[in-house]
Structure formats: structure tokens, C-alpha cells
Protein backbone atom coordinates (compact mmCIF):
# COMPACT_ATOMS: atom_id res chain seq x y z
CA UNK A 1 50.99 20.15 72.67
CA UNK A 2 50.10 23.79 72.41
CA UNK A 3 52.27 26.70 73.53
CA UNK A 4 50.91 30.19 74.15
CA UNK A 5 52.03 33.20 76.13
CA UNK A 6 49.75 35.57 78.00
CA UNK A 7 51.12 39.12 78.14
CA UNK A 8 49.84 41.34 80.95
CA UNK A 9 51.34 44.49 82.44
CA UNK A 10 49.53 43.64 85.69
CA UNK A 11 51.85 40.67 86.19
CA UNK A 12 54.36 43.00 87.85
CA UNK A 13 51.77 44.30 90.32
CA UNK A 14 52.14 43.17 93.96
CA UNK A 15 48.92 41.13 93.64
CA UNK A 16 48.89 39.74 90.10
CA UNK A 17 45.38 38.75 88.96
CA UNK A 18 44.24 35.15 88.62
CA UNK A 19 44.36 34.32 84.91
CA UNK A 20 42.36 31.85 82.85
CA UNK A 21 42.69 30.46 79.34
CA UNK A 22 40.27 28.78 76.96
CA UNK A 23 41.28 27.06 73.71
CA UNK A 24 39.11 25.58 70.98
CA UNK A 25 39.88 23.70 67.76
CA UNK A 26 37.52 23.90 64.78
CA UNK A 27 37.44 22.10 61.44
CA UNK A 28 38.52 24.87 59.10
CA UNK A 29 36.33 23.68 56.24
CA UNK A 30 33.04 23.14 58.11
CA UNK A 31 33.51 25.31 61.21
CA UNK A 32 32.54 22.32 63.36
CA UNK A 33 34.07 22.40 66.88
CA UNK A 34 36.40 19.44 67.45
CA UNK A 35 38.27 20.04 70.74
CA UNK A 36 37.73 22.46 73.60
CA UNK A 37 39.49 22.97 76.90
CA UNK A 38 36.78 25.02 78.56
CA UNK A 39 37.93 27.91 80.72
CA UNK A 40 40.82 26.68 82.85
CA UNK A 41 42.98 28.46 85.41
CA UNK A 42 46.53 29.23 84.36
CA UNK A 43 48.85 27.42 86.75
CA UNK A 44 52.12 28.43 85.12
CA UNK A 45 54.57 30.22 87.42
CA UNK A 46 54.62 34.01 87.19
CA UNK A 47 58.00 35.76 87.07
CA UNK A 48 57.90 39.31 88.34
CA UNK A 49 60.63 40.38 85.87
CA UNK A 50 58.70 39.23 82.78
CA UNK A 51 55.42 40.49 81.32
CA UNK A 52 54.35 37.11 79.92
CA UNK A 53 53.29 33.74 81.27
CA UNK A 54 54.31 30.75 79.11
CA UNK A 55 51.65 28.04 78.95
CA UNK A 56 52.03 24.53 77.56
CA UNK A 57 48.89 22.40 77.47
CA UNK A 58 48.20 19.03 75.94
CA UNK A 59 45.29 18.82 73.53
CA UNK A 60 43.97 15.67 71.87
CA UNK A 61 45.11 16.74 68.40
CA UNK A 62 46.35 13.21 67.63
CA UNK A 63 42.71 12.06 67.60
CA UNK A 64 41.80 14.47 64.80
CA UNK A 65 41.40 13.04 61.30
CA UNK A 66 43.64 14.47 58.55
CA UNK A 67 42.57 17.96 57.57
CA UNK A 68 42.95 21.67 58.22
CA UNK A 69 42.03 23.18 61.57
CA UNK A 70 41.77 26.52 63.34
CA UNK A 71 42.90 26.97 66.94
CA UNK A 72 41.32 29.82 68.92
CA UNK A 73 42.56 31.01 72.32
CA UNK A 74 41.22 33.60 74.76
CA UNK A 75 42.70 34.72 78.07
CA UNK A 76 40.68 36.27 80.89
CA UNK A 77 41.18 37.34 84.48
CA UNK A 78 39.19 37.03 87.68
CA UNK A 79 37.62 40.47 87.21
CA UNK A 80 36.00 39.51 83.89
CA UNK A 81 38.46 41.17 81.50
CA UNK A 82 38.94 39.13 78.31
CA UNK A 83 41.29 39.34 75.38
CA UNK A 84 39.96 39.11 71.83
CA UNK A 85 40.03 35.56 70.49
CA UNK A 86 43.43 34.88 68.90
CA UNK A 87 43.57 32.36 66.06
CA UNK A 88 46.03 30.28 64.12
CA UNK A 89 45.65 27.41 61.67
CA UNK A 90 47.33 24.02 61.42
CA UNK A 91 47.09 20.81 59.44
CA UNK A 92 46.96 17.17 60.46
CA UNK A 93 48.33 14.72 57.90
């Protein structure tokens, strides 16, 4: 499971934008891509009193062999705005 939050001041606007998220997992040693979600719409409920959308997605991390990995995530909206890629690392033992 992965958990991320998308922060956006536009979430409090009367017509909040449609948001999308893409996540990728790479082998940290070789840079080889291992898992990718593709760009998917964010279906999490939006609360008008909060500037973030919590997102929990399943990824097939259990199928990865032991090693060190890098997760990259990028949010975008329907108008083409994109965040920089955000990264974190994790290990599978």
C-alpha cells in the first residue's frame, strides 16, 4: 500500500479541479523501472475544509525481489499543471 497526500489551494474553490496521480517504482541500483500506475484519476473524496486529498493505492510491491527501490509520484490536474516528481526510497527484504 502507498499513502500520499495532494495539497492544493484550489480544493476550496467552488469547482475544484479534476486531479490525477502517477506513481513509479525503480530499482535504486540500476534505475530500471519495476512498477508503474500510469496516470490515474484521483477518486478520493475532497473535503472543503482541508487543503489536502489523502490517497491510498495498492501497488504490487510484494512481487519485487529483495533490494532497494525508489518511489516517484507526480500529481497533475485537468488543465495540464503538474507538480515536480516527489521521491522516497524503501527496501524489500
